[in-house]
């Protein structure tokens, strides 16, 4: 069995009155397609993903992507599930957005996207102006989050933002007011911070839409073991625990639990 497999996304439609083909397919659309396929195949951390190779062929426009077969098999199953339930609400956030991007392009340009893999010769999923592959809006609500990590970048030519490298969520871009950055007297880069931010949160899957994050507050973060602080806490609690036998209290809290 081959160690690699193929995904084909064929686009049919027109550019003006001319049938779509590689020599009238704009580079901006190509860039969007490359990002979409990466998010469809590997919606998580990108720095550890396997190699994806690419080819563009005639007929109208045929995008061919190759990557290890195990991921092609999984992706083929995902396509079949989308087709069966006619919904993308079960997908990871980035994968769902990639499908939405194709759907939006189909609306705007009157294109049809025909997607299949080397697992089968049959088209597994069609996205066209008549389909409605969009996430249910009521699953996403406004929420507030705290992130902790090292601030690696700040600024931006258009929208200002900061980028913080976190252990739990990876590398996050967070929209920031330019006036906030201008008011900082010290260098923020390569320091540990806590970040308080708003954004969208999925009430079913608990996913965070990282593209909606906006800064509320930047918090100096210096986690350390403090002997003096611990001693003060112990001292304050002594009066509360006077006359309490620890073993009896613990047995009462456990109840009938045998662990």
C-alpha atoms as a PDB file:
ATOM      1  CA  UNK A   1       0.000   0.000   0.000  1.00  0.00           C
ATOM      2  CA  UNK A   2       1.278   3.499  -0.871  1.00  0.00           C
ATOM      3  CA  UNK A   3       2.468   5.537   2.077  1.00  0.00           C
ATOM      4  CA  UNK A   4       0.965   8.723   0.638  1.00  0.00           C
ATOM      5  CA  UNK A   5      -2.514   9.565  -0.569  1.00  0.00           C
ATOM      6  CA  UNK A   6      -4.123  12.338  -2.567  1.00  0.00           C
ATOM      7  CA  UNK A   7      -6.861  14.888  -2.046  1.00  0.00           C
ATOM      8  CA  UNK A   8      -8.331  16.475  -5.154  1.00  0.00           C
ATOM      9  CA  UNK A   9     -10.376  19.666  -5.023  1.00  0.00           C
ATOM     10  CA  UNK A  10     -11.736  20.486  -8.454  1.00  0.00           C
ATOM     11  CA  UNK A  11     -13.254  23.929  -9.004  1.00  0.00           C
ATOM     12  CA  UNK A  12     -15.705  24.554 -11.820  1.00  0.00           C
ATOM     13  CA  UNK A  13     -17.034  27.975 -12.763  1.00  0.00           C
ATOM     14  CA  UNK A  14     -16.181  31.069 -14.776  1.00  0.00           C
ATOM     15  CA  UNK A  15     -14.014  34.145 -14.596  1.00  0.00           C
ATOM     16  CA  UNK A  16     -16.273  36.675 -16.263  1.00  0.00           C
ATOM     17  CA  UNK A  17     -17.475  34.845 -19.370  1.00  0.00           C
ATOM     18  CA  UNK A  18     -14.418  32.566 -19.594  1.00  0.00           C
ATOM     19  CA  UNK A  19     -14.352  29.053 -18.187  1.00  0.00           C
ATOM     20  CA  UNK A  20     -12.125  28.749 -15.136  1.00  0.00           C
ATOM     21  CA  UNK A  21      -8.691  27.225 -15.756  1.00  0.00           C
ATOM     22  CA  UNK A  22      -5.198  27.509 -14.195  1.00  0.00           C
ATOM     23  CA  UNK A  23      -4.072  30.464 -16.329  1.00  0.00           C
ATOM     24  CA  UNK A  24      -6.964  32.692 -15.144  1.00  0.00           C
ATOM     25  CA  UNK A  25      -7.030  31.452 -11.533  1.00  0.00           C
ATOM     26  CA  UNK A  26      -5.807  34.308  -9.323  1.00  0.00           C
ATOM     27  CA  UNK A  27      -2.930  33.826  -6.908  1.00  0.00           C
ATOM     28  CA  UNK A  28      -5.014  35.239  -4.029  1.00  0.00           C
ATOM     29  CA  UNK A  29      -7.506  32.406  -4.450  1.00  0.00           C
ATOM     30  CA  UNK A  30      -4.635  29.935  -4.564  1.00  0.00           C
ATOM     31  CA  UNK A  31      -3.216  31.255  -1.282  1.00  0.00           C
ATOM     32  CA  UNK A  32      -6.619  30.887   0.355  1.00  0.00           C
ATOM     33  CA  UNK A  33      -6.941  27.314  -0.905  1.00  0.00           C
ATOM     34  CA  UNK A  34      -3.525  26.344   0.482  1.00  0.00           C
ATOM     35  CA  UNK A  35      -4.476  27.691   3.911  1.00  0.00           C
ATOM     36  CA  UNK A  36      -7.853  25.938   3.794  1.00  0.00           C
ATOM     37  CA  UNK A  37      -6.390  22.522   3.004  1.00  0.00           C
ATOM     38  CA  UNK A  38      -3.848  22.828   5.814  1.00  0.00           C
ATOM     39  CA  UNK A  39      -6.630  23.632   8.292  1.00  0.00           C
ATOM     40  CA  UNK A  40      -8.787  20.787   6.966  1.00  0.00           C
ATOM     41  CA  UNK A  41      -6.046  18.185   7.259  1.00  0.00           C
ATOM     42  CA  UNK A  42      -4.249  19.415  10.356  1.00  0.00           C
ATOM     43  CA  UNK A  43      -6.437  21.785  12.423  1.00  0.00           C
ATOM     44  CA  UNK A  44      -4.173  21.579  15.481  1.00  0.00           C
ATOM     45  CA  UNK A  45      -0.559  22.644  15.938  1.00  0.00           C
ATOM     46  CA  UNK A  46       1.053  23.195  12.538  1.00  0.00           C
ATOM     47  CA  UNK A  47       4.722  22.951  13.535  1.00  0.00           C
ATOM     48  CA  UNK A  48       4.569  19.159  13.882  1.00  0.00           C
ATOM     49  CA  UNK A  49       2.357  18.294  10.914  1.00  0.00           C
ATOM     50  CA  UNK A  50       3.603  15.973   8.132  1.00  0.00           C
ATOM     51  CA  UNK A  51       4.612  17.228   4.705  1.00  0.00           C
ATOM     52  CA  UNK A  52       1.901  18.331   2.263  1.00  0.00           C
ATOM     53  CA  UNK A  53       2.906  18.602  -1.416  1.00  0.00           C
ATOM     54  CA  UNK A  54       0.876  20.375  -4.097  1.00  0.00           C
ATOM     55  CA  UNK A  55       0.175  20.347  -7.828  1.00  0.00           C
ATOM     56  CA  UNK A  56      -2.215  22.386  -9.996  1.00  0.00           C
ATOM     57  CA  UNK A  57      -3.719  20.826 -13.121  1.00  0.00           C
ATOM     58  CA  UNK A  58      -6.207  21.572 -15.880  1.00  0.00           C
ATOM     59  CA  UNK A  59      -9.808  20.549 -15.831  1.00  0.00           C
ATOM     60  CA  UNK A  60     -11.266  23.321 -14.917  1.00  0.00           C
ATOM     61  CA  UNK A  61      -8.922  23.944 -11.956  1.00  0.00           C
ATOM     62  CA  UNK A  62      -7.747  20.838 -10.100  1.00  0.00           C
ATOM     63  CA  UNK A  63      -5.861  21.194  -6.825  1.00  0.00           C
ATOM     64  CA  UNK A  64      -3.956  18.017  -5.918  1.00  0.00           C
ATOM     65  CA  UNK A  65      -2.522  17.592  -2.424  1.00  0.00           C
ATOM     66  CA  UNK A  66      -0.414  14.668  -1.215  1.00  0.00           C
ATOM     67  CA  UNK A  67       0.250  13.731   2.410  1.00  0.00           C
ATOM     68  CA  UNK A  68       0.582  10.468   4.415  1.00  0.00           C
ATOM     69  CA  UNK A  69      -2.233   8.029   3.619  1.00  0.00           C
ATOM     70  CA  UNK A  70      -3.383   7.631   7.227  1.00  0.00           C
ATOM     71  CA  UNK A  71      -4.442  11.300   7.249  1.00  0.00           C
ATOM     72  CA  UNK A  72      -6.099  10.951   3.840  1.00  0.00           C
ATOM     73  CA  UNK A  73      -8.176   8.032   5.156  1.00  0.00           C
ATOM     74  CA  UNK A  74      -9.253  10.080   8.174  1.00  0.00           C
ATOM     75  CA  UNK A  75     -10.061  13.093   6.012  1.00  0.00           C
ATOM     76  CA  UNK A  76     -12.124  10.929   3.658  1.00  0.00           C
ATOM     77  CA  UNK A  77     -14.193   9.739   6.618  1.00  0.00           C
ATOM     78  CA  UNK A  78     -14.726  13.364   7.702  1.00  0.00           C
ATOM     79  CA  UNK A  79     -15.943  14.305   4.218  1.00  0.00           C
ATOM     80  CA  UNK A  80     -18.383  11.374   4.225  1.00  0.00           C
ATOM     81  CA  UNK A  81     -19.735  12.452   7.616  1.00  0.00           C
ATOM     82  CA  UNK A  82     -20.239  16.050   6.432  1.00  0.00           C
ATOM     83  CA  UNK A  83     -22.104  14.758   3.407  1.00  0.00           C
ATOM     84  CA  UNK A  84     -24.226  12.396   5.487  1.00  0.00           C
ATOM     85  CA  UNK A  85     -25.305  14.805   8.243  1.00  0.00           C
ATOM     86  CA  UNK A  86     -25.195  17.934   6.017  1.00  0.00           C
ATOM     87  CA  UNK A  87     -23.527  19.856   8.832  1.00  0.00           C
ATOM     88  CA  UNK A  88     -20.062  21.034   9.894  1.00  0.00           C
ATOM     89  CA  UNK A  89     -20.879  21.693  13.558  1.00  0.00           C
ATOM     90  CA  UNK A  90     -18.977  18.556  14.653  1.00  0.00           C
ATOM     91  CA  UNK A  91     -15.690  19.712  13.086  1.00  0.00           C
ATOM     92  CA  UNK A  92     -12.732  21.309  14.835  1.00  0.00           C
ATOM     93  CA  UNK A  93     -12.926  25.089  14.635  1.00  0.00           C
ATOM     94  CA  UNK A  94     -10.261  25.552  11.958  1.00  0.00           C
ATOM     95  CA  UNK A  95     -11.636  22.748   9.800  1.00  0.00           C
ATOM     96  CA  UNK A  96     -15.154  24.189  10.054  1.00  0.00           C
ATOM     97  CA  UNK A  97     -13.864  27.635   9.056  1.00  0.00           C
ATOM     98  CA  UNK A  98     -12.053  26.154   6.052  1.00  0.00           C
ATOM     99  CA  UNK A  99     -15.314  24.609   4.808  1.00  0.00           C
ATOM    100  CA  UNK A 100     -17.099  27.915   5.443  1.00  0.00           C
ATOM    101  CA  UNK A 101     -14.443  29.707   3.381  1.00  0.00           C
ATOM    102  CA  UNK A 102     -15.108  27.379   0.437  1.00  0.00           C
ATOM    103  CA  UNK A 103     -18.853  27.857   0.871  1.00  0.00           C
ATOM    104  CA  UNK A 104     -18.482  31.649   0.894  1.00  0.00           C
ATOM    105  CA  UNK A 105     -16.361  31.539  -2.273  1.00  0.00           C
ATOM    106  CA  UNK A 106     -18.985  29.324  -3.917  1.00  0.00           C
ATOM    107  CA  UNK A 107     -21.644  31.960  -3.103  1.00  0.00           C
ATOM    108  CA  UNK A 108     -19.579  34.926  -4.254  1.00  0.00           C
ATOM    109  CA  UNK A 109     -18.116  33.501  -7.475  1.00  0.00           C
ATOM    110  CA  UNK A 110     -20.726  30.901  -8.407  1.00  0.00           C
ATOM    111  CA  UNK A 111     -18.128  28.133  -8.141  1.00  0.00           C
ATOM    112  CA  UNK A 112     -18.592  24.462  -7.352  1.00  0.00           C
ATOM    113  CA  UNK A 113     -15.957  22.652  -5.300  1.00  0.00           C
ATOM    114  CA  UNK A 114     -15.843  18.883  -5.900  1.00  0.00           C
ATOM    115  CA  UNK A 115     -13.754  17.128  -3.263  1.00  0.00           C
ATOM    116  CA  UNK A 116     -12.537  13.542  -3.377  1.00  0.00           C
ATOM    117  CA  UNK A 117      -9.575  11.493  -2.139  1.00  0.00           C
ATOM    118  CA  UNK A 118      -7.520   8.568  -3.383  1.00  0.00           C
ATOM    119  CA  UNK A 119      -9.582   6.361  -1.037  1.00  0.00           C
ATOM    120  CA  UNK A 120     -12.373   6.418  -3.657  1.00  0.00           C
ATOM    121  CA  UNK A 121     -12.847   7.553  -7.254  1.00  0.00           C
ATOM    122  CA  UNK A 122     -16.227   9.072  -6.349  1.00  0.00           C
ATOM    123  CA  UNK A 123     -16.710  12.715  -5.373  1.00  0.00           C
ATOM    124  CA  UNK A 124     -17.271  12.653  -1.614  1.00  0.00           C
ATOM    125  CA  UNK A 125     -18.406  16.239  -1.061  1.00  0.00           C
ATOM    126  CA  UNK A 126     -19.751  19.009  -3.289  1.00  0.00           C
ATOM    127  CA  UNK A 127     -19.826  22.627  -2.129  1.00  0.00           C
ATOM    128  CA  UNK A 128     -21.746  24.996  -4.397  1.00  0.00           C
ATOM    129  CA  UNK A 129     -24.104  28.006  -4.218  1.00  0.00           C
ATOM    130  CA  UNK A 130     -26.972  25.663  -3.319  1.00  0.00           C
ATOM    131  CA  UNK A 131     -25.302  24.107  -0.267  1.00  0.00           C
ATOM    132  CA  UNK A 132     -25.292  25.702   3.182  1.00  0.00           C
ATOM    133  CA  UNK A 133     -22.241  24.549   5.074  1.00  0.00           C
ATOM    134  CA  UNK A 134     -22.092  27.026   7.948  1.00  0.00           C
ATOM    135  CA  UNK A 135     -21.773  26.600  11.675  1.00  0.00           C
ATOM    136  CA  UNK A 136     -24.773  27.149  13.919  1.00  0.00           C
ATOM    137  CA  UNK A 137     -24.347  30.678  15.276  1.00  0.00           C
ATOM    138  CA  UNK A 138     -25.978  29.997  18.639  1.00  0.00           C
ATOM    139  CA  UNK A 139     -23.185  27.607  19.634  1.00  0.00           C
ATOM    140  CA  UNK A 140     -20.697  30.487  19.918  1.00  0.00           C
ATOM    141  CA  UNK A 141     -20.947  32.946  22.792  1.00  0.00           C
ATOM    142  CA  UNK A 142     -18.850  35.856  24.073  1.00  0.00           C
ATOM    143  CA  UNK A 143     -16.503  34.845  26.870  1.00  0.00           C
ATOM    144  CA  UNK A 144     -13.486  36.012  28.842  1.00  0.00           C
ATOM    145  CA  UNK A 145     -10.207  34.092  28.981  1.00  0.00           C
ATOM    146  CA  UNK A 146      -6.863  34.071  30.761  1.00  0.00           C
ATOM    147  CA  UNK A 147      -3.707  32.945  28.959  1.00  0.00           C
ATOM    148  CA  UNK A 148      -0.163  32.652  30.285  1.00  0.00           C
ATOM    149  CA  UNK A 149       3.045  32.638  28.287  1.00  0.00           C
ATOM    150  CA  UNK A 150       5.907  34.620  26.766  1.00  0.00           C
ATOM    151  CA  UNK A 151       5.096  37.709  24.701  1.00  0.00           C
ATOM    152  CA  UNK A 152       6.989  37.246  21.410  1.00  0.00           C
ATOM    153  CA  UNK A 153       5.692  40.076  19.195  1.00  0.00           C
ATOM    154  CA  UNK A 154       3.747  43.341  19.452  1.00  0.00           C
ATOM    155  CA  UNK A 155       2.560  45.870  16.873  1.00  0.00           C
ATOM    156  CA  UNK A 156       1.300  45.448  13.331  1.00  0.00           C
ATOM    157  CA  UNK A 157       0.931  47.624  10.234  1.00  0.00           C
ATOM    158  CA  UNK A 158      -2.882  47.484  10.154  1.00  0.00           C
ATOM    159  CA  UNK A 159      -4.590  46.158  13.257  1.00  0.00           C
ATOM    160  CA  UNK A 160      -2.300  46.211  16.278  1.00  0.00           C
ATOM    161  CA  UNK A 161      -1.832  42.943  18.120  1.00  0.00           C
ATOM    162  CA  UNK A 162       0.366  41.017  20.482  1.00  0.00           C
ATOM    163  CA  UNK A 163       1.523  37.432  20.038  1.00  0.00           C
ATOM    164  CA  UNK A 164       1.962  35.269  23.094  1.00  0.00           C
ATOM    165  CA  UNK A 165       3.496  31.798  23.102  1.00  0.00           C
ATOM    166  CA  UNK A 166       1.493  29.595  25.471  1.00  0.00           C
ATOM    167  CA  UNK A 167       2.031  26.000  26.494  1.00  0.00           C
ATOM    168  CA  UNK A 168      -1.667  25.093  26.389  1.00  0.00           C
ATOM    169  CA  UNK A 169      -2.915  26.922  23.266  1.00  0.00           C
ATOM    170  CA  UNK A 170       0.234  27.450  21.204  1.00  0.00           C
ATOM    171  CA  UNK A 171       1.061  30.777  19.554  1.00  0.00           C
ATOM    172  CA  UNK A 172      -1.854  33.211  19.957  1.00  0.00           C
ATOM    173  CA  UNK A 173      -2.470  36.521  18.209  1.00  0.00           C
ATOM    174  CA  UNK A 174      -4.578  38.927  20.281  1.00  0.00           C
ATOM    175  CA  UNK A 175      -5.978  42.194  18.926  1.00  0.00           C
ATOM    176  CA  UNK A 176      -4.689  45.147  20.918  1.00  0.00           C
ATOM    177  CA  UNK A 177      -5.367  48.875  20.990  1.00  0.00           C
ATOM    178  CA  UNK A 178      -2.495  50.859  19.457  1.00  0.00           C
ATOM    179  CA  UNK A 179      -2.688  53.443  22.242  1.00  0.00           C
ATOM    180  CA  UNK A 180      -2.060  50.705  24.784  1.00  0.00           C
ATOM    181  CA  UNK A 181       1.158  49.669  23.046  1.00  0.00           C
ATOM    182  CA  UNK A 182       2.285  53.288  22.610  1.00  0.00           C
ATOM    183  CA  UNK A 183       1.817  53.929  26.337  1.00  0.00           C
ATOM    184  CA  UNK A 184       4.173  51.122  27.409  1.00  0.00           C
ATOM    185  CA  UNK A 185       7.362  52.595  28.840  1.00  0.00           C
ATOM    186  CA  UNK A 186       9.278  49.318  29.060  1.00  0.00           C
ATOM    187  CA  UNK A 187       9.976  46.618  26.491  1.00  0.00           C
ATOM    188  CA  UNK A 188       7.274  43.922  26.547  1.00  0.00           C
ATOM    189  CA  UNK A 189       9.032  41.353  24.392  1.00  0.00           C
ATOM    190  CA  UNK A 190      10.244  37.998  25.713  1.00  0.00           C
ATOM    191  CA  UNK A 191       8.702  38.509  29.133  1.00  0.00           C
ATOM    192  CA  UNK A 192       6.185  36.257  30.856  1.00  0.00           C
ATOM    193  CA  UNK A 193       2.688  37.701  31.075  1.00  0.00           C
ATOM    194  CA  UNK A 194      -0.821  36.764  31.960  1.00  0.00           C
ATOM    195  CA  UNK A 195      -3.285  37.955  29.318  1.00  0.00           C
ATOM    196  CA  UNK A 196      -6.922  38.712  30.036  1.00  0.00           C
ATOM    197  CA  UNK A 197      -8.901  38.714  26.774  1.00  0.00           C
ATOM    198  CA  UNK A 198     -12.372  38.422  25.293  1.00  0.00           C
ATOM    199  CA  UNK A 199     -13.370  36.134  22.440  1.00  0.00           C
ATOM    200  CA  UNK A 200     -15.845  33.558  21.174  1.00  0.00           C
ATOM    201  CA  UNK A 201     -16.330  30.254  23.007  1.00  0.00           C
ATOM    202  CA  UNK A 202     -18.195  27.167  21.768  1.00  0.00           C
ATOM    203  CA  UNK A 203     -20.703  26.057  24.405  1.00  0.00           C
ATOM    204  CA  UNK A 204     -20.750  22.481  23.081  1.00  0.00           C
ATOM    205  CA  UNK A 205     -17.071  21.736  22.474  1.00  0.00           C
ATOM    206  CA  UNK A 206     -15.403  24.396  24.727  1.00  0.00           C
ATOM    207  CA  UNK A 207     -13.267  25.468  21.757  1.00  0.00           C
ATOM    208  CA  UNK A 208     -11.952  29.025  21.623  1.00  0.00           C
ATOM    209  CA  UNK A 209     -12.119  30.952  18.367  1.00  0.00           C
ATOM    210  CA  UNK A 210      -8.590  32.339  18.559  1.00  0.00           C
ATOM    211  CA  UNK A 211      -9.195  34.755  15.682  1.00  0.00           C
ATOM    212  CA  UNK A 212     -11.711  36.716  17.806  1.00  0.00           C
ATOM    213  CA  UNK A 213      -9.406  37.407  20.769  1.00  0.00           C
ATOM    214  CA  UNK A 214      -9.135  41.010  21.990  1.00  0.00           C
ATOM    215  CA  UNK A 215      -6.932  42.238  24.820  1.00  0.00           C
ATOM    216  CA  UNK A 216      -8.494  43.508  28.043  1.00  0.00           C
ATOM    217  CA  UNK A 217      -5.468  43.519  30.319  1.00  0.00           C
ATOM    218  CA  UNK A 218      -1.817  42.500  30.339  1.00  0.00           C
ATOM    219  CA  UNK A 219      -0.742  41.125  33.715  1.00  0.00           C
ATOM    220  CA  UNK A 220       2.823  40.834  34.996  1.00  0.00           C
ATOM    221  CA  UNK A 221       3.282  37.151  35.740  1.00  0.00           C
ATOM    222  CA  UNK A 222       6.010  36.052  38.164  1.00  0.00           C
ATOM    223  CA  UNK A 223       5.109  32.619  39.549  1.00  0.00           C
ATOM    224  CA  UNK A 224       7.482  31.771  42.401  1.00  0.00           C
ATOM    225  CA  UNK A 225       7.601  29.942  45.684  1.00  0.00           C
ATOM    226  CA  UNK A 226       7.454  32.502  48.508  1.00  0.00           C
ATOM    227  CA  UNK A 227       8.385  31.217  51.995  1.00  0.00           C
ATOM    228  CA  UNK A 228       7.343  34.438  53.735  1.00  0.00           C
ATOM    229  CA  UNK A 229       3.930  34.515  52.038  1.00  0.00           C
ATOM    230  CA  UNK A 230       3.283  30.877  52.935  1.00  0.00           C
ATOM    231  CA  UNK A 231       4.298  31.478  56.563  1.00  0.00           C
ATOM    232  CA  UNK A 232       1.866  34.436  56.782  1.00  0.00           C
ATOM    233  CA  UNK A 233      -0.996  32.276  55.471  1.00  0.00           C
ATOM    234  CA  UNK A 234      -0.223  29.524  57.980  1.00  0.00           C
ATOM    235  CA  UNK A 235      -0.104  32.052  60.794  1.00  0.00           C
ATOM    236  CA  UNK A 236      -3.490  33.533  59.821  1.00  0.00           C
ATOM    237  CA  UNK A 237      -5.116  30.101  59.740  1.00  0.00           C
ATOM    238  CA  UNK A 238      -3.879  28.900  63.139  1.00  0.00           C
ATOM    239  CA  UNK A 239      -6.776  30.385  65.102  1.00  0.00           C
ATOM    240  CA  UNK A 240      -9.336  28.918  62.708  1.00  0.00           C
ATOM    241  CA  UNK A 241      -7.964  25.395  63.139  1.00  0.00           C
ATOM    242  CA  UNK A 242      -7.431  25.476  66.936  1.00  0.00           C
ATOM    243  CA  UNK A 243      -9.028  22.458  68.608  1.00  0.00           C
ATOM    244  CA  UNK A 244      -9.516  20.577  65.335  1.00  0.00           C
ATOM    245  CA  UNK A 245      -8.026  17.094  65.066  1.00  0.00           C
ATOM    246  CA  UNK A 246      -6.792  16.741  61.432  1.00  0.00           C
ATOM    247  CA  UNK A 247      -7.361  12.967  61.214  1.00  0.00           C
ATOM    248  CA  UNK A 248     -10.932  13.192  62.555  1.00  0.00           C
ATOM    249  CA  UNK A 249     -11.754  16.098  60.252  1.00  0.00           C
ATOM    250  CA  UNK A 250     -10.365  14.229  57.250  1.00  0.00           C
ATOM    251  CA  UNK A 251     -12.321  11.079  58.134  1.00  0.00           C
ATOM    252  CA  UNK A 252     -15.518  13.149  58.402  1.00  0.00           C
ATOM    253  CA  UNK A 253     -14.908  14.782  55.024  1.00  0.00           C
ATOM    254  CA  UNK A 254     -14.342  11.401  53.373  1.00  0.00           C
ATOM    255  CA  UNK A 255     -17.517   9.922  54.827  1.00  0.00           C
ATOM    256  CA  UNK A 256     -17.966   6.288  53.857  1.00  0.00           C
ATOM    257  CA  UNK A 257     -15.524   6.531  50.969  1.00  0.00           C
ATOM    258  CA  UNK A 258     -12.823   3.853  51.081  1.00  0.00           C
ATOM    259  CA  UNK A 259      -9.868   4.903  48.925  1.00  0.00           C
END
